[in-house]
Amino acid sequence: MPRQSSTDAGADAALAKMGYESELPRNLSMLSVLGLSFAIMAVPFGQSTTLAIGLTDGLSVTILYGWVFVSLVSLSIAASLAEICAVFPTAGGVYYWSAMLATREWAPITSWITGYLTWVGNLTVTLSINFSGGQLILSAITLWKEDFAPNEYQTILMFWAVMIVALLVNIFLSKYLDFINKLAIYWTASSVLIIFVTLFSMADNLRSGAFVFGEYDSSSSGWPAGWAWFVGLLSPAYTLTGYGMVAAMCEEIPHPERSVPKAIVLSVLAAGITGILYLLPILFTLPPVDLLLEVANGQPIGLLFKTVTGSAAGGFGLLFLILGILAFAGIGALTAASRCTYAFARDGAIPGSRVWRRVGWRSSNSNEKGGIPVYALILCTAIDMLLGLIYFGSSSAFNAFTGVATLSLSASYASPVLISILRGRQHVAIPNNPYPLGKTLGPLCNIVTLCWICLAVVLFCVPTSREGLEPATMNYASVVFAGFATISVVWYFVRGRKEFKGPPIVRGEEGTVDVLAARGKGDVEDKEAEVVMEDDAVAEKVS
């Protein structure tokens, strides 16, 4: 059932204090945003589509302990972002936060850089999810026809089909997004439980505990043993990346200063636990590794399911559950990417901003109250479909997409955290912050965040394997990333330097951001409105 739009004068007042008018309907709940974040991370799907990375770069030790390590680091990052989000709950997310935390002098260039990082990150996360989804759908054919190897045209066309379905759902079923996001939680949890029970109950042979908890073999990667473990972290790091994207939904939920930070942290915690429950049966029932790595399109999960269940039908039944998670992930990622695009375009940072910032179908500059950013949705879809053509030139395009997504989003997350640390956390360590981390935990989480991201930026530009390395199998993450960076720099000097002033920055007399005060004022207006409504109802009954 579609959720009715809620009114929250406090949130609208706080948004106005940040320089924006409320244009999007507040028809999502905290559980819905949590579901959206959980859907974008799509743990079983992400782990399945990147399974070959872990199998190449260390097997069980990399897959299991790498997941635990990155989950803990991601909790630190999520907590750091949540603390800032509680003070600045706007669809601009890290882009807006960087501007508000920086000085007035540095706000425009800081927000420009962060904005392009997060925009590229949103686009490439959506791209990588739907591209690997297209590959996974095609891999289902190999369950019955083992010699089937999809060519580039088949892969691209399937990817485009997945993107178009996600676009149509976002445009024509937008009023059901609250329900879809919640359903993602139940579908994912049920899928993990079904796969857990099925694999353990149907496997003819189980791997030993020594293999699951202690097997390490990186010989097929060509990297030194210690370095291969770090390279293998791309799989969990890519999966546990999209939680910060849901900050773009702040303008579509009541009480965003409490609900969105809570959803960000809880979704990462839930994802971490879900990942362990999914990986254990995979590792205990793992078929011969060489057999899995020989799969033509690099997606071995279908073959794993078929081998363990003993039939193509059984393998497809489990694969269908993963494809369901893909559907939620593809839809959710495009939702978040479009809101990020809308927010960035709203401040004139993207070429053609007057079009991409429009809400609804109107061709005029006046937005439809309660509509969705249709043109931003179309732009994101078009860009991703064009980027998918890279696959014609590189068979390892998926690794490039995952690398750029992880790289860009991680760097964008680092920006507001770094600025906050450099300025003594003066804008987040305040008494009325709804989500405070405290004097000890706050700086600790911030430092862990920055250290990990510095490592990740270097780590995810290298190929996952050195064996048989050639131009077609190189990791082009750095090339794609540099391409986007070049476009953003050129556009800044062509137009941004003269016209872009950053997001509206409204500060109090002491130079601090006075958003939470507006929130309180709006809450009072909410309560007064409720009293008036109750009085009107009583008057009607008396009359």
Protein backbone atom coordinates (compact mmCIF):
# COMPACT_ATOMS: atom_id res chain seq x y z
CA MET A 1 0.00 0.00 0.00
CA PRO A 2 1.27 3.52 -0.76
CA ARG A 3 2.21 5.51 2.33
CA GLN A 4 0.49 8.86 2.79
CA SER A 5 2.69 11.92 2.79
CA SER A 6 3.39 13.30 6.27
CA THR A 7 3.80 16.90 7.36
CA ASP A 8 6.73 17.91 9.52
CA ALA A 9 6.92 21.66 9.99
CA GLY A 10 10.07 21.25 12.07
CA ALA A 11 11.93 19.46 9.27
CA ASP A 12 10.66 21.95 6.69
CA ALA A 13 11.74 24.86 8.90
CA ALA A 14 15.20 23.35 9.35
CA LEU A 15 15.45 22.80 5.60
CA ALA A 16 14.46 26.41 4.98
CA LYS A 17 17.17 27.48 7.42
CA MET A 18 19.64 25.55 5.28
CA GLY A 19 18.48 27.54 2.27
CA TYR A 20 16.03 25.19 0.56
CA GLU A 21 12.30 24.90 0.03
CA SER A 22 10.68 21.55 0.75
CA GLU A 23 9.65 20.14 -2.67
CA LEU A 24 9.65 16.37 -2.17
CA PRO A 25 6.89 14.48 -0.30
CA ARG A 26 7.81 13.22 3.18
CA ASN A 27 6.20 9.83 2.66
CA LEU A 28 9.01 7.51 3.83
CA SER A 29 9.49 6.03 7.29
CA MET A 30 12.68 5.27 9.22
CA LEU A 31 12.20 1.56 8.50
CA SER A 32 11.84 2.39 4.81
CA VAL A 33 15.10 4.36 4.71
CA LEU A 34 16.82 1.59 6.65
CA GLY A 35 15.43 -0.84 4.07
CA LEU A 36 16.70 1.36 1.24
CA SER A 37 20.22 1.42 2.72
CA PHE A 38 20.04 -2.34 3.32
CA ALA A 39 18.78 -2.85 -0.23
CA ILE A 40 21.58 -0.76 -1.79
CA MET A 41 24.22 -2.74 0.10
CA ALA A 42 22.36 -5.93 -0.94
CA VAL A 43 24.71 -8.11 1.07
CA PRO A 44 24.01 -11.58 -0.44
CA PHE A 45 23.95 -10.11 -3.94
CA GLY A 46 27.13 -8.07 -3.46
CA GLN A 47 28.99 -10.98 -1.92
CA SER A 48 27.79 -13.31 -4.68
CA THR A 49 28.79 -11.09 -7.59
CA THR A 50 32.25 -10.38 -6.13
CA LEU A 51 32.87 -13.92 -4.86
CA ALA A 52 35.55 -14.51 -7.50
CA ILE A 53 37.68 -11.72 -5.96
CA GLY A 54 37.82 -13.46 -2.59
CA LEU A 55 38.43 -16.86 -4.16
CA THR A 56 41.39 -15.40 -6.08
CA ASP A 57 42.89 -13.29 -3.30
CA GLY A 58 43.06 -15.60 -0.31
CA LEU A 59 39.99 -17.83 -0.06
CA SER A 60 38.38 -18.26 3.39
CA VAL A 61 40.64 -15.97 5.41
CA THR A 62 40.10 -13.11 2.98
CA ILE A 63 36.39 -13.76 2.48
CA LEU A 64 35.38 -14.24 6.13
CA TYR A 65 37.81 -12.12 8.14
CA GLY A 66 37.91 -9.47 5.43
CA TRP A 67 34.15 -9.16 5.80
CA VAL A 68 34.38 -8.82 9.60
CA PHE A 69 37.17 -6.25 9.34
CA VAL A 70 35.41 -4.06 6.76
CA SER A 71 32.12 -4.33 8.68
CA LEU A 72 33.76 -2.86 11.80
CA VAL A 73 35.43 -0.11 9.79
CA SER A 74 32.13 0.64 8.04
CA LEU A 75 30.41 1.03 11.41
CA SER A 76 32.96 3.72 12.28
CA ILE A 77 32.36 5.48 8.98
CA ALA A 78 28.58 5.19 9.32
CA ALA A 79 28.68 6.59 12.86
CA SER A 80 30.85 9.51 11.72
CA LEU A 81 28.43 10.34 8.90
CA ALA A 82 25.37 9.87 11.12
CA GLU A 83 26.67 12.40 13.64
CA ILE A 84 27.03 15.03 10.91
CA CYS A 85 23.74 14.09 9.22
CA ALA A 86 21.88 14.70 12.49
CA VAL A 87 22.95 18.36 12.33
CA PHE A 88 22.49 18.90 8.57
CA PRO A 89 19.62 16.65 7.36
CA THR A 90 19.39 17.57 3.68
CA ALA A 91 19.31 15.72 0.35
CA GLY A 92 22.70 17.25 -0.46
CA GLY A 93 24.32 14.84 2.00
CA VAL A 94 28.12 14.92 2.18
CA TYR A 95 28.21 17.63 -0.48
CA TYR A 96 26.23 20.01 1.72
CA TRP A 97 27.94 18.93 4.93
CA SER A 98 31.38 19.73 3.52
CA ALA A 99 30.28 23.26 2.65
CA MET A 100 28.69 23.88 6.05
CA LEU A 101 31.67 22.54 7.99
CA ALA A 102 34.25 24.46 5.93
CA THR A 103 34.97 28.18 6.20
CA ARG A 104 33.06 30.55 3.93
CA GLU A 105 36.20 31.04 1.81
CA TRP A 106 36.68 27.33 1.14
CA ALA A 107 33.04 26.25 1.05
CA PRO A 108 32.48 26.56 -2.75
CA ILE A 109 35.51 24.55 -3.92
CA THR A 110 35.15 22.03 -1.08
CA SER A 111 31.50 21.38 -1.86
CA TRP A 112 32.24 21.22 -5.59
CA ILE A 113 34.88 18.51 -5.17
CA THR A 114 32.84 16.55 -2.64
CA GLY A 115 29.72 16.93 -4.73
CA TYR A 116 31.31 15.44 -7.82
CA LEU A 117 32.85 12.61 -5.78
CA THR A 118 29.52 11.64 -4.27
CA TRP A 119 27.67 12.08 -7.59
CA VAL A 120 30.14 9.85 -9.42
CA GLY A 121 29.98 7.39 -6.53
CA ASN A 122 26.19 7.25 -6.68
CA LEU A 123 26.23 6.76 -10.44
CA THR A 124 28.86 4.00 -10.40
CA VAL A 125 27.27 2.13 -7.47
CA THR A 126 24.04 2.05 -9.46
CA LEU A 127 25.99 1.04 -12.56
CA SER A 128 27.91 -1.76 -10.85
CA ILE A 129 24.81 -3.20 -9.18
CA ASN A 130 22.78 -3.34 -12.35
CA PHE A 131 25.68 -4.39 -14.56
CA SER A 132 26.56 -7.33 -12.32
CA GLY A 133 22.84 -8.05 -12.11
CA GLY A 134 22.70 -8.40 -15.88
CA GLN A 135 25.69 -10.75 -15.75
CA LEU A 136 24.07 -12.78 -12.99
CA ILE A 137 20.83 -13.18 -14.96
CA LEU A 138 22.79 -14.46 -17.96
CA SER A 139 24.75 -16.82 -15.72
CA ALA A 140 21.46 -18.60 -14.95
CA ILE A 141 21.54 -19.98 -18.51
CA THR A 142 24.78 -21.83 -17.73
CA LEU A 143 22.91 -23.91 -15.15
CA TRP A 144 21.40 -25.84 -18.07
CA LYS A 145 23.89 -25.03 -20.83
CA GLU A 146 27.33 -25.11 -19.26
CA ASP A 147 29.20 -24.07 -22.40
CA PHE A 148 27.14 -20.88 -22.77
CA ALA A 149 29.36 -17.79 -22.68
CA PRO A 150 27.45 -14.52 -23.17
CA ASN A 151 29.14 -12.11 -25.54
CA GLU A 152 29.52 -8.36 -25.05
CA TYR A 153 26.31 -7.50 -26.88
CA GLN A 154 24.20 -9.88 -24.82
CA THR A 155 25.73 -8.60 -21.59
CA ILE A 156 25.18 -4.94 -22.47
CA LEU A 157 21.59 -5.50 -23.63
CA MET A 158 20.73 -7.39 -20.44
CA PHE A 159 22.34 -4.62 -18.36
CA TRP A 160 20.31 -2.02 -20.23
CA ALA A 161 17.12 -4.02 -19.61
CA VAL A 162 17.83 -4.09 -15.86
CA MET A 163 18.47 -0.33 -15.84
CA ILE A 164 15.24 0.43 -17.71
CA VAL A 165 13.18 -1.71 -15.32
CA ALA A 166 14.68 0.16 -12.35
CA LEU A 167 13.89 3.48 -14.05
CA LEU A 168 10.26 2.55 -14.78
CA VAL A 169 9.66 1.40 -11.22
CA ASN A 170 11.12 4.63 -9.83
CA ILE A 171 8.95 6.78 -12.10
CA PHE A 172 5.62 4.99 -12.24
CA LEU A 173 5.60 3.16 -8.89
CA SER A 174 7.23 5.88 -6.80
CA LYS A 175 4.31 6.00 -4.36
CA TYR A 176 5.07 2.37 -3.47
CA LEU A 177 8.77 2.96 -2.71
CA ASP A 178 8.12 2.96 1.04
CA PHE A 179 6.58 -0.53 0.77
CA ILE A 180 9.29 -1.73 -1.66
CA ASN A 181 12.08 -0.62 0.68
CA LYS A 182 10.50 -2.41 3.64
CA LEU A 183 9.90 -5.53 1.56
CA ALA A 184 13.62 -5.58 0.74
CA ILE A 185 14.42 -6.23 4.40
CA TYR A 186 12.09 -9.22 4.66
CA TRP A 187 13.07 -10.66 1.27
CA THR A 188 16.80 -10.46 2.08
CA ALA A 189 16.42 -11.95 5.57
CA SER A 190 14.21 -14.77 4.26
CA SER A 191 16.59 -15.46 1.37
CA VAL A 192 19.60 -15.76 3.67
CA LEU A 193 17.70 -18.14 5.96
CA ILE A 194 16.50 -20.30 3.05
CA ILE A 195 19.99 -20.47 1.50
CA PHE A 196 21.54 -21.21 4.90
CA VAL A 197 19.24 -24.17 5.56
CA THR A 198 19.23 -25.47 1.98
CA LEU A 199 23.00 -25.54 1.50
CA PHE A 200 23.72 -27.19 4.83
CA SER A 201 20.96 -29.76 4.41
CA MET A 202 21.67 -30.72 0.78
CA ALA A 203 25.47 -30.69 0.66
CA ASP A 204 26.98 -34.17 0.24
CA ASN A 205 30.25 -33.06 1.80
CA LEU A 206 31.11 -30.18 4.09
CA ARG A 207 34.43 -28.40 4.28
CA SER A 208 36.28 -28.67 7.58
CA GLY A 209 36.33 -25.91 10.17
CA ALA A 210 40.05 -25.55 9.50
CA PHE A 211 39.27 -24.69 5.87
CA VAL A 212 36.43 -22.26 6.65
CA PHE A 213 38.25 -20.40 9.41
CA GLY A 214 41.88 -20.82 8.44
CA GLU A 215 42.42 -21.60 4.73
CA TYR A 216 44.52 -18.98 2.97
CA ASP A 217 45.68 -19.39 -0.62
CA SER A 218 46.44 -16.39 -2.79
CA SER A 219 48.61 -18.23 -5.31
CA SER A 220 46.16 -17.65 -8.17
CA SER A 221 46.29 -13.87 -7.66
CA GLY A 222 49.99 -13.40 -8.40
CA TRP A 223 50.25 -10.90 -5.53
CA PRO A 224 52.43 -11.39 -2.43
CA ALA A 225 50.44 -13.23 0.25
CA GLY A 226 49.98 -10.28 2.61
CA TRP A 227 49.08 -7.78 -0.11
CA ALA A 228 46.57 -10.18 -1.70
CA TRP A 229 44.49 -10.10 1.50
CA PHE A 230 44.16 -6.33 1.25
CA VAL A 231 43.35 -6.49 -2.47
CA GLY A 232 40.60 -8.99 -1.63
CA LEU A 233 38.96 -6.39 0.62
CA LEU A 234 37.46 -4.85 -2.51
CA SER A 235 34.61 -7.36 -2.26
CA PRO A 236 33.37 -6.43 1.24
CA ALA A 237 34.30 -2.77 0.79
CA TYR A 238 32.22 -2.54 -2.39
CA THR A 239 29.27 -4.31 -0.76
CA LEU A 240 29.41 -2.16 2.37
CA THR A 241 29.56 1.20 0.62
CA GLY A 242 26.12 2.52 -0.23
CA TYR A 243 24.84 3.32 3.28
CA GLY A 244 25.87 6.98 3.03
CA MET A 245 23.80 7.37 -0.14
CA VAL A 246 20.54 7.35 1.85
CA ALA A 247 21.37 10.77 3.27
CA ALA A 248 19.88 11.95 -0.03
CA MET A 249 16.46 10.85 1.30
CA CYS A 250 16.51 13.34 4.21
CA GLU A 251 13.90 15.53 2.53
CA GLU A 252 11.45 12.65 2.09
CA ILE A 253 11.11 11.52 5.70
CA PRO A 254 9.67 13.15 8.84
CA HIS A 255 12.19 13.89 11.63
CA PRO A 256 15.22 13.23 9.39
CA GLU A 257 17.69 14.44 12.03
CA ARG A 258 16.85 11.34 14.10
CA SER A 259 15.57 8.80 11.59
CA VAL A 260 18.24 8.96 8.88
CA PRO A 261 21.32 8.73 11.17
CA LYS A 262 19.70 5.79 12.95
CA ALA A 263 18.93 4.10 9.62
CA ILE A 264 22.52 4.56 8.39
CA VAL A 265 24.12 2.91 11.43
CA LEU A 266 21.54 0.16 11.93
CA SER A 267 21.68 -0.84 8.26
CA VAL A 268 25.45 -1.34 8.46
CA LEU A 269 25.09 -3.39 11.65
CA ALA A 270 22.37 -5.52 10.07
CA ALA A 271 24.44 -5.92 6.89
CA GLY A 272 27.47 -7.08 8.85
CA ILE A 273 25.52 -9.80 10.64
CA THR A 274 23.68 -10.83 7.46
CA GLY A 275 26.98 -11.18 5.61
CA ILE A 276 28.40 -13.62 8.15
CA LEU A 277 25.24 -15.74 8.06
CA TYR A 278 25.43 -15.87 4.27
CA LEU A 279 29.16 -16.56 3.97
CA LEU A 280 29.33 -19.46 6.43
CA PRO A 281 27.18 -21.90 4.39
CA ILE A 282 28.95 -20.74 1.18
CA LEU A 283 32.37 -21.58 2.65
CA PHE A 284 31.32 -24.84 4.31
CA THR A 285 29.82 -26.15 1.05
CA LEU A 286 32.34 -24.58 -1.34
CA PRO A 287 32.96 -26.76 -4.46
CA PRO A 288 36.47 -26.98 -5.97
CA VAL A 289 37.77 -23.44 -6.37
CA ASP A 290 39.30 -24.05 -9.82
CA LEU A 291 35.87 -25.11 -11.10
CA LEU A 292 34.26 -21.88 -9.84
CA LEU A 293 36.96 -19.62 -11.25
CA GLU A 294 36.55 -21.13 -14.73
CA VAL A 295 33.02 -19.73 -15.13
CA ALA A 296 33.03 -17.68 -18.32
CA ASN A 297 31.53 -14.41 -17.10
CA GLY A 298 33.13 -14.42 -13.65
CA GLN A 299 29.87 -15.08 -11.75
CA PRO A 300 30.29 -18.50 -10.06
CA ILE A 301 27.46 -18.37 -7.52
CA GLY A 302 24.94 -20.10 -9.80
CA LEU A 303 27.33 -23.00 -10.40
CA LEU A 304 27.96 -23.22 -6.65
CA PHE A 305 24.24 -23.51 -5.95
CA LYS A 306 23.79 -26.09 -8.71
CA THR A 307 26.71 -28.20 -7.50
CA VAL A 308 25.54 -28.23 -3.87
CA THR A 309 21.85 -28.89 -4.59
CA GLY A 310 22.65 -31.41 -7.30
CA SER A 311 20.32 -29.99 -9.94
CA ALA A 312 19.96 -27.02 -12.25
CA ALA A 313 16.44 -26.38 -10.95
CA GLY A 314 17.64 -26.33 -7.35
CA GLY A 315 20.50 -24.01 -8.26
CA PHE A 316 18.14 -21.63 -10.06
CA GLY A 317 15.73 -21.64 -7.12
CA LEU A 318 18.46 -20.27 -4.85
CA LEU A 319 19.76 -17.97 -7.57
CA PHE A 320 16.26 -16.55 -7.98
CA LEU A 321 16.40 -15.36 -4.36
CA ILE A 322 19.63 -13.47 -5.14
CA LEU A 323 18.06 -11.99 -8.27
CA GLY A 324 15.20 -10.71 -6.12
CA ILE A 325 17.74 -8.91 -3.95
CA LEU A 326 19.22 -7.50 -7.17
CA ALA A 327 15.86 -6.00 -8.07
CA PHE A 328 15.60 -4.15 -4.75
CA ALA A 329 19.23 -3.04 -4.96
CA GLY A 330 18.95 -1.72 -8.52
CA ILE A 331 15.75 0.19 -7.78
CA GLY A 332 17.07 1.59 -4.49
CA ALA A 333 20.45 2.65 -5.87
CA LEU A 334 18.80 4.55 -8.73
CA THR A 335 16.43 6.22 -6.25
CA ALA A 336 19.32 7.49 -4.14
CA ALA A 337 21.41 8.48 -7.18
CA SER A 338 18.57 10.54 -8.61
CA ARG A 339 18.09 12.42 -5.32
CA CYS A 340 21.80 13.11 -5.16
CA THR A 341 21.66 14.42 -8.75
CA TYR A 342 18.62 16.57 -7.94
CA ALA A 343 20.31 18.08 -4.88
CA PHE A 344 23.57 18.82 -6.72
CA ALA A 345 21.74 20.27 -9.71
CA ARG A 346 19.60 22.39 -7.38
CA ASP A 347 22.72 24.45 -6.66
CA GLY A 348 23.73 24.69 -10.33
CA ALA A 349 26.77 22.39 -10.21
CA ILE A 350 25.85 20.02 -13.07
CA PRO A 351 25.73 21.03 -16.76
CA GLY A 352 22.07 21.50 -17.64
CA SER A 353 21.08 21.95 -13.99
CA ARG A 354 17.87 23.78 -14.87
CA VAL A 355 16.53 20.54 -16.33
CA TRP A 356 17.90 17.99 -13.85
CA ARG A 357 16.65 19.88 -10.78
CA ARG A 358 13.01 19.84 -11.91
CA VAL A 359 10.51 17.87 -9.87
CA GLY A 360 7.71 16.16 -11.80
CA TRP A 361 7.19 16.26 -15.56
CA ARG A 362 6.76 20.01 -15.97
CA SER A 363 8.95 21.68 -18.57
CA SER A 364 8.89 24.97 -16.66
CA ASN A 365 11.21 25.90 -13.82
CA SER A 366 8.37 25.73 -11.27
CA ASN A 367 8.39 22.35 -9.55
CA GLU A 368 5.41 20.18 -8.75
CA LYS A 369 5.02 19.97 -4.97
CA GLY A 370 5.16 16.35 -3.89
CA GLY A 371 6.60 15.07 -7.17
CA ILE A 372 9.81 13.15 -7.89
CA PRO A 373 12.94 14.26 -9.77
CA VAL A 374 12.01 12.54 -13.03
CA TYR A 375 14.65 14.19 -15.20
CA ALA A 376 17.38 13.35 -12.68
CA LEU A 377 16.26 9.73 -12.85
CA ILE A 378 16.48 9.77 -16.64
CA LEU A 379 19.93 11.42 -16.56
CA CYS A 380 21.35 8.83 -14.13
CA THR A 381 19.97 6.00 -16.23
CA ALA A 382 21.36 7.43 -19.47
CA ILE A 383 24.84 8.03 -18.04
CA ASP A 384 25.03 4.51 -16.57
CA MET A 385 23.84 2.91 -19.80
CA LEU A 386 26.57 4.76 -21.71
CA LEU A 387 29.26 3.86 -19.17
CA GLY A 388 28.30 0.22 -19.54
CA LEU A 389 29.74 0.37 -23.07
CA ILE A 390 33.21 0.25 -21.49
CA TYR A 391 32.64 -3.51 -21.39
CA PHE A 392 33.27 -3.64 -25.13
CA GLY A 393 36.86 -2.60 -24.49
CA SER A 394 37.56 -4.35 -21.19
CA SER A 395 36.34 -7.72 -19.97
CA SER A 396 37.15 -6.63 -16.40
CA ALA A 397 34.83 -3.61 -16.61
CA PHE A 398 32.86 -4.77 -13.58
CA ASN A 399 35.98 -4.57 -11.39
CA ALA A 400 36.53 -1.03 -12.70
CA PHE A 401 32.94 -0.07 -11.86
CA THR A 402 33.17 -1.49 -8.34
CA GLY A 403 36.54 0.16 -7.83
CA VAL A 404 35.33 3.60 -8.94
CA ALA A 405 32.16 3.29 -6.84
CA THR A 406 34.12 2.34 -3.73
CA LEU A 407 36.80 4.94 -4.43
CA SER A 408 34.45 7.85 -5.10
CA LEU A 409 32.01 7.25 -2.27
CA SER A 410 34.79 6.56 0.23
CA ALA A 411 36.57 9.79 -0.75
CA SER A 412 33.31 11.75 -0.52
CA TYR A 413 32.66 10.32 2.96
CA ALA A 414 36.15 11.38 4.03
CA SER A 415 35.67 15.03 3.04
CA PRO A 416 33.21 16.23 5.72
CA VAL A 417 34.84 14.03 8.36
CA LEU A 418 38.29 15.47 7.60
CA ILE A 419 36.99 19.04 7.64
CA SER A 420 35.19 18.40 10.92
CA ILE A 421 38.37 17.01 12.51
CA LEU A 422 40.52 19.90 11.23
CA ARG A 423 38.06 22.42 12.68
CA GLY A 424 37.92 20.72 16.07
CA ARG A 425 34.51 19.07 15.51
CA GLN A 426 32.98 22.39 16.59
CA HIS A 427 29.83 22.04 14.47
CA VAL A 428 28.96 18.45 15.42
CA ALA A 429 30.09 18.18 19.05
CA ILE A 430 27.24 20.41 20.22
CA PRO A 431 24.81 19.90 23.13
CA ASN A 432 21.63 19.58 21.05
CA ASN A 433 22.97 17.15 18.44
CA PRO A 434 20.36 14.33 18.27
CA TYR A 435 23.10 11.78 17.49
CA PRO A 436 26.26 12.67 19.46
CA LEU A 437 29.27 10.34 19.50
CA GLY A 438 30.95 12.03 22.45
CA LYS A 439 34.43 13.41 23.07
CA THR A 440 36.18 10.03 22.89
CA LEU A 441 34.20 7.86 20.48
CA GLY A 442 33.65 10.68 17.97
CA PRO A 443 37.32 11.47 17.23
CA LEU A 444 38.17 7.75 17.32
CA CYS A 445 35.55 6.90 14.67
CA ASN A 446 36.66 9.88 12.59
CA ILE A 447 40.33 8.83 12.64
CA VAL A 448 39.49 5.21 11.76
CA THR A 449 37.39 6.52 8.87
CA LEU A 450 40.19 8.65 7.45
CA CYS A 451 42.90 5.99 7.84
CA TRP A 452 40.80 3.34 6.07
CA ILE A 453 39.81 5.63 3.21
CA CYS A 454 43.44 6.67 2.59
CA LEU A 455 44.29 2.97 2.22
CA ALA A 456 41.22 2.22 0.11
CA VAL A 457 41.96 4.95 -2.43
CA VAL A 458 45.26 3.25 -3.28
CA LEU A 459 44.07 -0.32 -2.80
CA PHE A 460 41.17 -0.39 -5.21
CA CYS A 461 43.07 0.96 -8.20
CA VAL A 462 45.14 -2.22 -8.55
CA PRO A 463 44.01 -5.32 -10.47
CA THR A 464 42.58 -8.12 -8.33
CA SER A 465 44.99 -10.53 -10.01
CA ARG A 466 48.36 -10.20 -11.74
CA GLU A 467 48.08 -13.54 -13.48
CA GLY A 468 47.57 -13.22 -17.23
CA LEU A 469 47.41 -9.45 -16.93
CA GLU A 470 46.85 -7.68 -20.25
CA PRO A 471 45.13 -4.47 -21.42
CA ALA A 472 41.69 -6.11 -21.56
CA THR A 473 41.92 -7.41 -18.00
CA MET A 474 43.45 -4.35 -16.34
CA ASN A 475 41.65 -2.53 -13.54
CA TYR A 476 40.53 0.72 -15.16
CA ALA A 477 39.03 2.19 -11.98
CA SER A 478 41.69 4.91 -11.88
CA VAL A 479 41.09 5.75 -15.55
CA VAL A 480 37.32 6.11 -15.14
CA PHE A 481 37.84 8.04 -11.91
CA ALA A 482 40.36 10.36 -13.62
CA GLY A 483 37.93 10.88 -16.49
CA PHE A 484 35.18 12.09 -14.19
CA ALA A 485 37.70 14.22 -12.27
CA THR A 486 38.85 15.87 -15.49
CA ILE A 487 35.27 16.70 -16.49
CA SER A 488 34.53 18.22 -13.09
CA VAL A 489 37.74 20.31 -13.07
CA VAL A 490 37.19 21.58 -16.62
CA TRP A 491 33.56 22.46 -15.85
CA TYR A 492 34.64 24.28 -12.69
CA PHE A 493 37.05 26.54 -14.58
CA VAL A 494 34.65 27.03 -17.49
CA ARG A 495 31.64 27.97 -15.40
CA GLY A 496 31.78 26.91 -11.77
CA ARG A 497 34.53 29.30 -10.72
CA LYS A 498 32.48 32.28 -11.89
CA GLU A 499 28.94 31.21 -11.03
CA PHE A 500 29.05 28.45 -8.41
CA LYS A 501 28.92 29.72 -4.84
CA GLY A 502 28.16 26.41 -3.18
CA PRO A 503 24.93 25.50 -1.41
CA PRO A 504 23.04 28.20 0.52
CA ILE A 505 24.98 28.66 3.76
CA VAL A 506 23.03 30.29 6.57
CA ARG A 507 24.89 30.79 9.83
CA GLY A 508 24.05 32.27 13.18
CA GLU A 509 25.63 35.39 14.61
CA GLU A 510 28.52 33.47 16.15
CA GLY A 511 29.34 31.76 12.88
CA THR A 512 27.76 28.45 13.87
CA VAL A 513 25.05 26.77 11.90
CA ASP A 514 21.68 27.45 13.49
CA VAL A 515 19.67 24.64 11.93
CA LEU A 516 18.63 22.76 15.06
CA ALA A 517 17.06 25.91 16.48
CA ALA A 518 14.82 26.07 13.43
CA ARG A 519 13.97 22.42 13.99
CA GLY A 520 12.75 23.24 17.49
CA LYS A 521 10.69 26.15 16.23
CA GLY A 522 9.08 23.92 13.65
CA ASP A 523 8.25 21.31 16.29
CA VAL A 524 6.37 23.96 18.23
CA GLU A 525 4.42 24.82 15.06
CA ASP A 526 3.61 21.11 14.64
CA LYS A 527 2.24 20.90 18.17
CA GLU A 528 0.23 24.11 17.73
CA ALA A 529 -1.24 22.75 14.50
CA GLU A 530 -2.21 19.53 16.28
CA VAL A 531 -3.96 21.51 19.02
CA VAL A 532 -5.88 23.53 16.43
CA MET A 533 -6.95 20.34 14.65
CA GLU A 534 -8.12 18.81 17.92
CA ASP A 535 -10.08 21.98 18.77
CA ASP A 536 -11.70 21.95 15.32
CA ALA A 537 -12.67 18.32 15.76
CA VAL A 538 -14.27 19.02 19.15
CA ALA A 539 -16.12 22.00 17.72
CA GLU A 540 -17.53 19.85 14.90
CA LYS A 541 -18.80 17.27 17.37
CA VAL A 542 -20.47 19.92 19.55
CA SER A 543 -22.16 21.52 16.55
